[in-house]
Amino acid sequence: MIDTSNEYGRMFERLARALHNRRTGRVGNRTWASARAQINPERVRPGLDALEDYRHGDPPLRADIHTGWKPYVRKFVRMGRLNMADLLITSTANRLQLRDFRTSAADDELGDVEARKIMRANGMKVVARDVTEMALAMGDSYTLVTPPGARRPQSLITAEDPRQVITSHNAATGAGEWGLKLFRSEWDDEDLAYLYAPDGLILPARLGGGTSIRRGPFRFDPKAWTWDDEKKEQTPTGDFPLTRFRNRDGVGEFEKHLDTLDRINDKIFDEWWIAKIQAFRQRAVKNLPETKEVERDGQLVEEPVAADEYDDMFTSSPDEMWQVPGDVDFWESTPVDLTPITNAIEKDRQRLAANTSTPLHTITPDAAAGSAEGASLLREEHTFKCEDRRDRFDPSWARTMSLAFLFQGEADRGDVTQIEPQYAPIVRHSLTEKGSAASQAVSTLPREIIQRDIWQYEPSEILELRKLQGRDVLFQTPSQGAGALPRTGTAGGSQ
C-alpha cells in the first residue's frame, strides 16, 4: 500500500491525477467537451486523447444526429472526415531531423564520434522523430535516459508519450523536479508506474487489480497501489532522467485550429452527402391518365387508376420499354451545383495553411500551380516556424545527450553547456542549385564548409569524403601532378 502522508506518496497521487486530467481534458469538474459547447466557454485544453484522435484522422463524430438515426448515419459521417491534422505535424517534423551532436571533447567540428555511437545504438533518428511529432501534436513530449546495463554499454534513450508521462517543474528555473510514468502493460495485463524523484531516485509501483488508465473519472486508491521496493533504482549521478520537449505555448500545432478542422470536415461531409443523395435523381411523370377503361358485363366503363399501378409500369431497367400517351411528359430533378461547397472547402484549407504557416501545396496540392511569389512567401514563413521549433527543442536535446554521457561516466563530454545538437538543413536545394553555388564558392570557402552547407552532407558523410579525397590524391595521373589536390566543387568533394 502507498502511504500518501509522505512526500513520495503525495507526489504520486498529484502527478497521477494531473496526468489523467490532461489526457481527458479536465479542469476540476469542467471538461473540454462541455466547455466547448458553451457560448462563452471557460479555458479548458482539449484532452491529449482527443488531440491524438485528430492526429490519427479519427476526430469526434458529430453529436447532432437524431438518436434513432445514429447507427445508420454514423458510418456515413466517418467517410466525411479528412485527416488534415497529421499533415500539419509531418510537414514541420520533416524539417527538424536530428543528425549529430558536437561536444567540447570532440577534436573535429563535424560531430562527436562517441555521441554518434550512442545515437546509432538507440536508433536516435527514429526516436528523435517520435519525440518531435508527439511534441508538435500534443504540446509536450519527453525523453527518458536509462543508465548502461550489463548487456548495454551505451545509455538507453527512449521517446516517452505525454499521455503516459508527466513532470513537475521548478517555477523559478524551469528545471524538472518530479516525474511519473503511468502505463498499462499489455503483456502482464496490469498497470505499472515509475515515480522519478529530484535526487534521481526511481520508485516503481504496480496496481493490484483492475485498471486506472481509462477515459473517465480517475479514482486513485492508495490501497490498490504498492511500491515495488525490489526494483527501486538510483541514477548514477543523482540527475533527474526525464527531459521535457515543449512546443510553442505548450500546445499542439493544430490545437488552436480545431474549429477550422471541424468546419472543413463538415463541408466535406455536406459535399459528398449531397452527391450521395442525388445519385438517383427524383423523377416525375406529368399528364398520366387518372382513369382507365375496363370491360364489365360486356361494356366498357371507366374507373380510377390506383397509384401503385404505375409503380410496376415504370420500372427503370435497360431492357424496359414504356408505351405512354402522346401528351405524357417526363420530368427529372436538376442536381445541386456543388461548386460553391468545393470552393468554400478550398478557401478554408487556404486559411488553415496561412494560420499555421504551412506550405499551401502540402494541404492543397492544386496550389502547386499558383504564383511563385506567393508560394515563396508561405515557404519562408514555414521556414521561420521550423527554426523556432528547433530553437525550442535544442536545449532539451542537449540535456538528453548530456545525461547519456554522464550516466556512462563521461563527464568531460557531459557538460550540457558545451553540447550542440546538429540538424539536417531545413531547406533542401536541387543538385543544380548546389552545383552552381559550390562552383562559385570554391575560391572563398573552405572545402568542408562547402560540403556541409552547400552540398548539405551529414557530418559522418563528410568524414568518409575525406578518405575518398585522400584516395583520389594517391591515384592522380602524372599530368595532374603528384601534389595536385582535388577541388571542392562537386558532390563528392572533388572536381
Protein backbone atom coordinates (compact mmCIF):
# COMPACT_ATOMS: atom_id res chain seq x y z
CA MET A 1 0.00 0.00 0.00
CA ILE A 2 1.22 3.52 -0.85
CA ASP A 3 1.33 5.92 2.06
CA THR A 4 0.12 9.32 0.83
CA SER A 5 1.21 11.03 4.07
CA ASN A 6 4.86 11.11 2.94
CA GLU A 7 6.33 13.12 0.08
CA TYR A 8 6.63 10.25 -2.37
CA GLY A 9 3.03 9.12 -1.92
CA ARG A 10 1.68 12.68 -2.19
CA MET A 11 3.60 13.39 -5.39
CA PHE A 12 2.50 10.06 -6.86
CA GLU A 13 -1.15 10.95 -6.29
CA ARG A 14 -0.83 14.55 -7.51
CA LEU A 15 1.01 13.60 -10.68
CA ALA A 16 -1.35 10.70 -11.41
CA ARG A 17 -4.41 12.92 -11.16
CA ALA A 18 -2.78 15.66 -13.24
CA LEU A 19 -1.81 13.14 -15.91
CA HIS A 20 -5.31 11.75 -16.11
CA ASN A 21 -6.89 15.21 -16.28
CA ARG A 22 -4.51 16.21 -19.05
CA ARG A 23 -5.35 13.09 -21.02
CA THR A 24 -9.10 13.56 -20.75
CA GLY A 25 -9.23 17.37 -20.89
CA ARG A 26 -10.49 18.17 -17.40
CA VAL A 27 -10.04 21.19 -15.13
CA GLY A 28 -11.78 20.47 -11.83
CA ASN A 29 -15.34 19.49 -12.70
CA ARG A 30 -15.19 21.09 -16.15
CA THR A 31 -14.37 19.14 -19.28
CA TRP A 32 -13.19 20.33 -22.67
CA ALA A 33 -16.25 18.89 -24.43
CA SER A 34 -18.73 20.64 -22.12
CA ALA A 35 -16.81 23.95 -22.08
CA ARG A 36 -16.59 23.93 -25.86
CA ALA A 37 -20.35 23.73 -26.21
CA GLN A 38 -20.93 26.93 -24.19
CA ILE A 39 -21.38 30.35 -25.78
CA ASN A 40 -18.69 31.84 -23.55
CA PRO A 41 -16.55 28.79 -22.78
CA GLU A 42 -14.02 28.71 -19.99
CA ARG A 43 -10.48 27.91 -21.00
CA VAL A 44 -10.12 24.13 -20.89
CA ARG A 45 -7.48 22.48 -23.04
CA PRO A 46 -8.51 19.56 -25.25
CA GLY A 47 -7.52 16.24 -23.76
CA LEU A 48 -4.41 14.59 -25.18
CA ASP A 49 -6.56 11.60 -26.14
CA ALA A 50 -8.72 13.92 -28.27
CA LEU A 51 -5.67 15.53 -29.89
CA GLU A 52 -4.25 12.12 -30.72
CA ASP A 53 -7.61 11.17 -32.26
CA TYR A 54 -7.41 14.23 -34.52
CA ARG A 55 -3.84 13.34 -35.43
CA HIS A 56 -4.86 9.84 -36.50
CA GLY A 57 -7.80 11.09 -38.53
CA ASP A 58 -10.42 9.97 -36.04
CA PRO A 59 -11.83 13.23 -34.58
CA PRO A 60 -15.09 13.14 -32.57
CA LEU A 61 -18.14 12.47 -34.71
CA ARG A 62 -20.98 14.94 -34.96
CA ALA A 63 -23.27 14.72 -31.96
CA ASP A 64 -26.29 16.50 -33.50
CA ILE A 65 -27.75 13.34 -35.03
CA HIS A 66 -31.20 12.06 -34.21
CA THR A 67 -30.92 9.19 -31.76
CA GLY A 68 -32.79 6.77 -34.00
CA TRP A 69 -30.57 7.55 -36.98
CA LYS A 70 -27.17 7.23 -35.28
CA PRO A 71 -26.49 3.57 -36.10
CA TYR A 72 -27.19 4.24 -39.79
CA VAL A 73 -25.75 7.72 -40.25
CA ARG A 74 -22.52 7.45 -38.24
CA LYS A 75 -20.78 5.27 -40.84
CA PHE A 76 -21.51 7.93 -43.47
CA VAL A 77 -20.29 10.69 -41.16
CA ARG A 78 -16.99 8.86 -40.77
CA MET A 79 -16.43 8.97 -44.53
CA GLY A 80 -16.81 12.75 -44.47
CA ARG A 81 -13.59 13.31 -42.50
CA LEU A 82 -10.22 14.35 -43.94
CA ASN A 83 -7.06 13.96 -41.87
CA MET A 84 -5.54 17.44 -42.11
CA ALA A 85 -4.01 17.42 -38.61
CA ASP A 86 -1.34 14.86 -39.46
CA LEU A 87 -0.22 16.96 -42.45
CA LEU A 88 0.37 19.92 -40.15
CA ILE A 89 2.59 17.73 -37.96
CA THR A 90 4.63 15.89 -40.58
CA SER A 91 5.23 18.97 -42.75
CA THR A 92 7.10 20.53 -39.82
CA ALA A 93 8.66 17.36 -38.36
CA ASN A 94 10.18 16.52 -41.76
CA ARG A 95 12.35 19.64 -41.47
CA LEU A 96 13.52 19.05 -37.88
CA GLN A 97 15.69 15.98 -38.41
CA LEU A 98 18.37 15.49 -35.75
CA ARG A 99 21.70 14.47 -37.29
CA ASP A 100 24.52 14.68 -34.79
CA PHE A 101 25.99 16.28 -31.66
CA ARG A 102 29.13 18.30 -31.03
CA THR A 103 30.77 18.30 -27.60
CA SER A 104 33.75 20.03 -26.02
CA ALA A 105 35.71 16.76 -26.07
CA ALA A 106 35.42 16.20 -29.81
CA ASP A 107 38.52 17.02 -31.83
CA ASP A 108 36.73 17.97 -35.05
CA GLU A 109 33.78 20.21 -35.71
CA LEU A 110 31.81 17.57 -37.60
CA GLY A 111 30.33 15.87 -34.53
CA ASP A 112 31.42 13.73 -31.62
CA VAL A 113 32.18 10.13 -32.57
CA GLU A 114 31.08 8.89 -29.13
CA ALA A 115 27.78 10.75 -29.43
CA ARG A 116 27.33 9.11 -32.82
CA LYS A 117 27.77 5.70 -31.19
CA ILE A 118 25.02 6.48 -28.68
CA MET A 119 22.75 7.65 -31.48
CA ARG A 120 23.27 4.50 -33.52
CA ALA A 121 22.82 2.23 -30.50
CA ASN A 122 19.47 3.88 -29.76
CA GLY A 123 18.21 4.41 -33.30
CA MET A 124 18.11 8.09 -32.45
CA LYS A 125 16.86 9.26 -35.83
CA VAL A 126 13.61 7.40 -35.25
CA VAL A 127 13.50 8.27 -31.53
CA ALA A 128 14.02 11.95 -32.34
CA ARG A 129 11.29 11.79 -34.95
CA ASP A 130 8.84 10.30 -32.43
CA VAL A 131 9.72 12.92 -29.82
CA THR A 132 9.30 15.74 -32.32
CA GLU A 133 5.98 14.53 -33.70
CA MET A 134 4.46 13.98 -30.24
CA ALA A 135 5.55 17.46 -29.10
CA LEU A 136 4.11 19.04 -32.26
CA ALA A 137 0.85 17.10 -31.91
CA MET A 138 0.18 17.33 -28.17
CA GLY A 139 2.31 20.22 -26.95
CA ASP A 140 4.75 18.14 -24.89
CA SER A 141 6.87 15.04 -25.23
CA TYR A 142 9.68 13.51 -23.21
CA THR A 143 12.90 11.57 -23.40
CA LEU A 144 13.93 9.11 -20.69
CA VAL A 145 17.61 8.25 -20.27
CA THR A 146 18.40 4.91 -18.61
CA PRO A 147 21.98 4.13 -17.46
CA PRO A 148 24.01 1.41 -19.26
CA GLY A 149 23.45 -2.16 -18.20
CA ALA A 150 25.35 -5.42 -18.22
CA ARG A 151 24.41 -6.09 -21.84
CA ARG A 152 24.20 -2.48 -22.98
CA PRO A 153 27.41 -0.40 -22.96
CA GLN A 154 25.62 2.79 -24.01
CA SER A 155 22.89 4.69 -22.19
CA LEU A 156 19.36 3.95 -23.36
CA ILE A 157 17.32 6.87 -24.72
CA THR A 158 13.60 6.38 -25.29
CA ALA A 159 10.78 8.60 -26.55
CA GLU A 160 8.01 8.96 -23.98
CA ASP A 161 4.35 9.66 -24.76
CA PRO A 162 2.86 12.66 -22.89
CA ARG A 163 -0.27 10.57 -22.33
CA GLN A 164 1.84 8.31 -20.12
CA VAL A 165 4.42 10.72 -18.67
CA ILE A 166 4.12 13.99 -16.76
CA THR A 167 6.65 16.15 -14.93
CA SER A 168 6.55 19.00 -12.44
CA HIS A 169 8.99 21.88 -12.85
CA ASN A 170 10.64 24.46 -10.64
CA ALA A 171 8.74 27.73 -11.01
CA ALA A 172 11.92 29.80 -10.89
CA THR A 173 14.34 27.80 -13.06
CA GLY A 174 12.00 25.61 -15.13
CA ALA A 175 14.06 22.54 -14.27
CA GLY A 176 12.24 19.22 -13.93
CA GLU A 177 11.86 18.04 -10.34
CA TRP A 178 9.32 15.21 -10.14
CA GLY A 179 8.08 12.87 -12.83
CA LEU A 180 5.66 9.99 -13.25
CA LYS A 181 5.26 7.38 -15.94
CA LEU A 182 1.92 5.57 -15.69
CA PHE A 183 1.06 2.98 -18.29
CA ARG A 184 -0.71 -0.27 -18.98
CA SER A 185 1.49 -3.32 -19.55
CA GLU A 186 -0.36 -5.39 -22.14
CA TRP A 187 1.94 -8.37 -21.59
CA ASP A 188 1.39 -8.51 -17.83
CA ASP A 189 -2.18 -7.15 -18.02
CA GLU A 190 -1.62 -4.70 -15.20
CA ASP A 191 -0.95 -1.03 -14.53
CA LEU A 192 2.63 -0.05 -13.77
CA ALA A 193 4.09 3.26 -12.59
CA TYR A 194 7.52 4.80 -12.11
CA LEU A 195 7.94 7.80 -9.84
CA TYR A 196 11.07 9.88 -10.56
CA ALA A 197 12.33 11.99 -7.65
CA PRO A 198 14.57 15.10 -7.91
CA ASP A 199 17.56 13.25 -6.45
CA GLY A 200 17.49 10.58 -9.19
CA LEU A 201 15.59 8.00 -7.12
CA ILE A 202 13.25 5.82 -9.22
CA LEU A 203 10.36 4.18 -7.36
CA PRO A 204 8.37 1.51 -9.27
CA ALA A 205 4.78 0.75 -8.29
CA ARG A 206 2.09 -1.59 -9.52
CA LEU A 207 -1.69 -1.77 -9.29
CA GLY A 208 -3.01 -4.86 -7.63
CA GLY A 209 -6.28 -5.27 -9.54
CA GLY A 210 -8.30 -3.52 -12.22
CA THR A 211 -7.00 -0.60 -14.23
CA SER A 212 -6.82 3.14 -13.61
CA ILE A 213 -5.74 4.06 -17.13
CA ARG A 214 -9.03 4.66 -18.88
CA ARG A 215 -11.18 7.52 -20.02
CA GLY A 216 -13.47 8.88 -17.36
CA PRO A 217 -13.09 9.99 -13.74
CA PHE A 218 -9.80 8.99 -12.15
CA ARG A 219 -10.09 7.11 -8.89
CA PHE A 220 -6.83 6.88 -7.00
CA ASP A 221 -6.91 4.19 -4.35
CA PRO A 222 -3.66 4.14 -2.32
CA LYS A 223 -4.57 0.72 -1.00
CA ALA A 224 -4.61 -0.74 -4.52
CA TRP A 225 -1.13 0.54 -5.44
CA THR A 226 2.03 -0.89 -3.88
CA TRP A 227 5.68 0.09 -4.17
CA ASP A 228 7.94 -2.49 -5.78
CA ASP A 229 10.93 -1.98 -3.49
CA GLU A 230 12.97 -4.77 -5.09
CA LYS A 231 13.17 -2.80 -8.36
CA LYS A 232 13.98 0.56 -6.76
CA GLU A 233 16.83 2.30 -8.60
CA GLN A 234 19.05 5.36 -8.39
CA THR A 235 20.59 7.17 -11.33
CA PRO A 236 24.44 7.02 -11.18
CA THR A 237 24.86 10.78 -10.89
CA GLY A 238 21.66 11.61 -8.99
CA ASP A 239 20.29 13.52 -12.00
CA PHE A 240 16.62 13.64 -12.94
CA PRO A 241 16.40 11.31 -16.00
CA LEU A 242 13.34 12.81 -17.73
CA THR A 243 13.59 15.73 -20.17
CA ARG A 244 10.58 17.62 -21.45
CA PHE A 245 10.26 18.93 -25.01
CA ARG A 246 7.72 21.74 -25.05
CA ASN A 247 6.16 23.17 -28.20
CA ARG A 248 5.29 26.86 -28.58
CA ASP A 249 2.79 27.92 -25.90
CA GLY A 250 2.76 24.32 -24.67
CA VAL A 251 0.08 23.35 -27.21
CA GLY A 252 -0.02 21.25 -30.35
CA GLU A 253 0.34 22.69 -33.84
CA PHE A 254 -3.33 22.18 -34.69
CA GLU A 255 -4.83 22.61 -31.21
CA LYS A 256 -5.73 26.25 -31.86
CA HIS A 257 -7.34 25.33 -35.16
CA LEU A 258 -9.73 22.54 -34.18
CA ASP A 259 -12.74 24.63 -35.17
CA THR A 260 -11.27 25.10 -38.65
CA LEU A 261 -10.60 21.37 -38.97
CA ASP A 262 -14.15 20.61 -37.86
CA ARG A 263 -15.55 23.14 -40.35
CA ILE A 264 -13.59 21.61 -43.22
CA ASN A 265 -14.79 18.12 -42.29
CA ASP A 266 -18.37 19.39 -42.02
CA LYS A 267 -18.25 20.90 -45.51
CA ILE A 268 -16.64 17.80 -46.97
CA PHE A 269 -19.42 15.74 -45.41
CA ASP A 270 -22.06 18.07 -46.88
CA GLU A 271 -20.43 17.84 -50.30
CA TRP A 272 -20.34 14.11 -50.62
CA TRP A 273 -23.64 13.58 -48.75
CA ILE A 274 -25.47 15.81 -51.24
CA ALA A 275 -23.84 13.89 -54.07
CA LYS A 276 -24.84 10.62 -52.41
CA ILE A 277 -28.49 11.62 -52.09
CA GLN A 278 -28.53 12.79 -55.70
CA ALA A 279 -27.05 9.57 -57.05
CA PHE A 280 -30.62 8.75 -58.10
CA ARG A 281 -32.45 11.84 -59.29
CA GLN A 282 -36.04 12.48 -58.37
CA ARG A 283 -38.35 11.72 -61.31
CA ALA A 284 -41.99 12.51 -62.07
CA VAL A 285 -44.47 11.91 -64.89
CA LYS A 286 -46.95 14.61 -65.87
CA ASN A 287 -50.39 14.18 -67.52
CA LEU A 288 -50.79 10.49 -66.76
CA PRO A 289 -54.42 9.35 -67.18
CA GLU A 290 -56.31 9.32 -63.91
CA THR A 291 -58.89 6.79 -65.19
CA LYS A 292 -58.82 3.72 -67.34
CA GLU A 293 -61.39 1.76 -69.36
CA VAL A 294 -62.25 -1.73 -68.21
CA GLU A 295 -64.81 -4.20 -69.53
CA ARG A 296 -67.58 -5.14 -67.16
CA ASP A 297 -70.54 -7.28 -68.24
CA GLY A 298 -69.62 -6.72 -71.88
CA GLN A 299 -69.50 -2.97 -71.55
CA LEU A 300 -66.51 -0.55 -71.29
CA VAL A 301 -66.58 1.55 -68.19
CA GLU A 302 -64.05 3.99 -66.69
CA GLU A 303 -62.65 3.61 -63.22
CA PRO A 304 -59.85 5.40 -61.29
CA VAL A 305 -56.27 4.21 -61.72
CA ALA A 306 -54.72 3.03 -58.46
CA ALA A 307 -51.48 4.85 -57.53
CA ASP A 308 -49.45 1.66 -57.19
CA GLU A 309 -50.30 0.53 -60.72
CA TYR A 310 -47.78 2.98 -62.18
CA ASP A 311 -45.05 1.74 -59.82
CA ASP A 312 -44.84 -1.54 -61.64
CA MET A 313 -45.32 0.07 -65.03
CA PHE A 314 -42.32 2.47 -64.93
CA THR A 315 -39.52 0.15 -63.90
CA SER A 316 -36.01 1.52 -64.54
CA SER A 317 -34.15 -1.24 -66.33
CA PRO A 318 -32.02 -1.41 -69.51
CA ASP A 319 -34.45 -3.79 -71.25
CA GLU A 320 -37.65 -1.93 -70.30
CA MET A 321 -39.82 -0.22 -72.96
CA TRP A 322 -42.52 2.20 -71.88
CA GLN A 323 -45.58 2.98 -74.00
CA VAL A 324 -47.35 6.16 -72.90
CA PRO A 325 -49.92 8.57 -74.39
CA GLY A 326 -48.52 11.37 -76.53
CA ASP A 327 -49.25 14.15 -74.07
CA VAL A 328 -47.39 12.49 -71.14
CA ASP A 329 -44.34 14.47 -70.01
CA PHE A 330 -41.42 13.07 -68.01
CA TRP A 331 -39.58 15.31 -65.51
CA GLU A 332 -36.25 14.82 -63.72
CA SER A 333 -34.84 16.95 -60.89
CA THR A 334 -31.82 19.18 -61.51
CA PRO A 335 -28.72 18.32 -59.45
CA VAL A 336 -27.46 20.85 -56.91
CA ASP A 337 -24.30 22.67 -58.02
CA LEU A 338 -21.53 21.53 -55.65
CA THR A 339 -19.04 24.08 -56.91
CA PRO A 340 -19.78 26.66 -54.16
CA ILE A 341 -19.21 24.00 -51.49
CA THR A 342 -15.95 22.76 -53.00
CA ASN A 343 -14.75 26.34 -53.38
CA ALA A 344 -15.59 27.02 -49.72
CA ILE A 345 -13.60 23.94 -48.70
CA GLU A 346 -10.58 25.17 -50.65
CA LYS A 347 -10.86 28.61 -49.05
CA ASP A 348 -10.89 27.08 -45.57
CA ARG A 349 -7.85 24.97 -46.42
CA GLN A 350 -6.03 28.06 -47.62
CA ARG A 351 -6.90 29.88 -44.39
CA LEU A 352 -5.65 26.90 -42.38
CA ALA A 353 -2.36 26.90 -44.31
CA ALA A 354 -1.89 30.62 -43.71
CA ASN A 355 -2.73 30.43 -39.99
CA THR A 356 -0.38 27.51 -39.38
CA SER A 357 2.48 28.73 -41.65
CA THR A 358 2.22 25.54 -43.69
CA PRO A 359 3.12 25.47 -47.41
CA LEU A 360 -0.16 25.60 -49.32
CA HIS A 361 0.78 22.78 -51.68
CA THR A 362 1.10 20.46 -48.65
CA ILE A 363 -2.57 20.93 -47.76
CA THR A 364 -3.92 21.70 -51.25
CA PRO A 365 -1.83 20.01 -53.97
CA ASP A 366 -3.60 22.08 -56.67
CA ALA A 367 -1.87 25.14 -55.25
CA ALA A 368 1.42 23.98 -56.78
CA ALA A 369 0.36 25.83 -59.91
CA GLY A 370 -0.07 29.13 -58.03
CA SER A 371 2.18 32.15 -58.22
CA ALA A 372 5.85 31.58 -57.43
CA GLU A 373 5.99 34.69 -55.24
CA GLY A 374 3.06 33.60 -53.09
CA ALA A 375 4.50 30.11 -52.67
CA SER A 376 7.89 31.57 -51.75
CA LEU A 377 6.40 33.82 -49.06
CA LEU A 378 4.47 30.98 -47.42
CA ARG A 379 7.50 28.67 -47.62
CA GLU A 380 9.54 31.38 -45.93
CA GLU A 381 7.04 31.62 -43.07
CA HIS A 382 7.17 27.85 -42.72
CA THR A 383 10.97 28.02 -42.54
CA PHE A 384 10.76 30.59 -39.74
CA LYS A 385 8.33 28.35 -37.86
CA CYS A 386 10.64 25.35 -38.20
CA GLU A 387 13.58 27.41 -36.93
CA ASP A 388 11.50 28.48 -33.93
CA ARG A 389 10.60 24.88 -33.08
CA ARG A 390 14.21 23.78 -33.49
CA ASP A 391 15.39 26.51 -31.11
CA ARG A 392 12.81 25.41 -28.53
CA PHE A 393 13.83 21.73 -28.72
CA ASP A 394 17.57 22.42 -28.87
CA PRO A 395 18.22 22.70 -25.07
CA SER A 396 16.22 19.55 -24.41
CA TRP A 397 18.30 17.53 -26.90
CA ALA A 398 21.48 18.90 -25.34
CA ARG A 399 20.32 17.83 -21.88
CA THR A 400 19.28 14.39 -23.13
CA MET A 401 22.70 13.71 -24.61
CA SER A 402 24.37 15.21 -21.52
CA LEU A 403 22.54 12.69 -19.30
CA ALA A 404 23.55 9.85 -21.62
CA PHE A 405 27.23 10.79 -21.27
CA LEU A 406 27.04 11.41 -17.52
CA PHE A 407 25.37 8.04 -16.91
CA GLN A 408 28.22 6.42 -18.87
CA GLY A 409 30.80 8.15 -16.67
CA GLU A 410 31.99 10.52 -19.41
CA ALA A 411 31.84 13.78 -17.50
CA ASP A 412 34.15 15.54 -19.98
CA ARG A 413 31.53 15.12 -22.68
CA GLY A 414 28.55 15.58 -20.34
CA ASP A 415 28.82 19.36 -19.92
CA VAL A 416 25.40 20.45 -21.22
CA THR A 417 26.67 23.96 -21.98
CA GLN A 418 29.17 22.52 -24.45
CA ILE A 419 26.81 20.17 -26.30
CA GLU A 420 25.43 21.41 -29.60
CA PRO A 421 22.81 19.39 -31.49
CA GLN A 422 23.20 19.39 -35.26
CA TYR A 423 20.22 19.15 -37.59
CA ALA A 424 19.58 18.47 -41.23
CA PRO A 425 19.05 21.64 -43.32
CA ILE A 426 15.53 23.00 -43.05
CA VAL A 427 15.54 23.99 -46.72
CA ARG A 428 16.70 21.42 -49.27
CA HIS A 429 18.11 22.51 -52.64
CA SER A 430 18.25 20.79 -56.01
CA LEU A 431 21.51 19.36 -57.40
CA THR A 432 21.57 22.14 -59.98
CA GLU A 433 21.37 24.81 -57.28
CA LYS A 434 24.00 23.07 -55.17
CA GLY A 435 26.38 22.66 -58.10
CA SER A 436 26.08 26.29 -59.11
CA ALA A 437 26.62 27.57 -55.58
CA ALA A 438 29.53 25.19 -54.92
CA SER A 439 31.39 26.26 -58.07
CA GLN A 440 31.06 29.92 -57.09
CA ALA A 441 32.26 29.29 -53.52
CA VAL A 442 35.41 27.28 -54.33
CA SER A 443 37.70 30.26 -54.08
CA THR A 444 36.09 31.81 -50.99
CA LEU A 445 35.04 29.00 -48.60
CA PRO A 446 36.87 26.01 -47.09
CA ARG A 447 36.15 22.61 -48.57
CA GLU A 448 34.28 21.24 -45.56
CA ILE A 449 32.02 24.28 -45.36
CA ILE A 450 31.05 23.74 -48.99
CA GLN A 451 30.36 20.08 -48.32
CA ARG A 452 28.36 20.79 -45.19
CA ASP A 453 26.41 23.95 -46.00
CA ILE A 454 26.08 23.85 -49.79
CA TRP A 455 26.08 20.15 -50.64
CA GLN A 456 24.31 19.51 -47.31
CA TYR A 457 26.16 16.31 -46.41
CA GLU A 458 25.84 14.79 -42.95
CA PRO A 459 28.91 15.09 -40.67
CA SER A 460 29.58 11.34 -40.85
CA GLU A 461 29.44 11.51 -44.64
CA ILE A 462 31.98 14.35 -44.72
CA LEU A 463 34.41 12.17 -42.78
CA GLU A 464 34.02 9.50 -45.43
CA LEU A 465 34.59 12.11 -48.14
CA ARG A 466 37.93 12.96 -46.53
CA LYS A 467 39.06 9.37 -47.02
CA LEU A 468 37.88 9.32 -50.61
CA GLN A 469 39.61 12.61 -51.34
CA GLY A 470 42.84 11.22 -49.92
CA ARG A 471 42.45 8.17 -52.15
CA ASP A 472 41.96 10.48 -55.14
CA VAL A 473 45.32 12.10 -54.39
CA LEU A 474 47.07 8.72 -54.49
CA PHE A 475 45.57 7.93 -57.87
CA GLN A 476 46.37 11.27 -59.56
CA THR A 477 47.57 10.90 -63.16
CA PRO A 478 51.07 12.23 -63.98
CA SER A 479 49.52 15.07 -65.98
CA GLN A 480 47.73 16.28 -62.89
CA GLY A 481 50.89 16.36 -60.82
CA ALA A 482 51.74 14.37 -57.73
CA GLY A 483 50.92 17.21 -55.40
CA ALA A 484 47.63 18.18 -57.01
CA LEU A 485 44.67 18.18 -54.67
CA PRO A 486 41.09 17.55 -55.80
CA ARG A 487 38.96 20.65 -55.95
CA THR A 488 35.84 21.05 -53.86
CA GLY A 489 33.02 21.98 -56.22
CA THR A 490 31.48 18.56 -56.88
CA ALA A 491 29.12 16.48 -54.76
CA GLY A 492 31.90 14.12 -53.79
CA GLY A 493 34.13 16.95 -52.66
CA SER A 494 36.36 16.97 -55.79
CA GLN A 495 36.07 18.22 -59.35
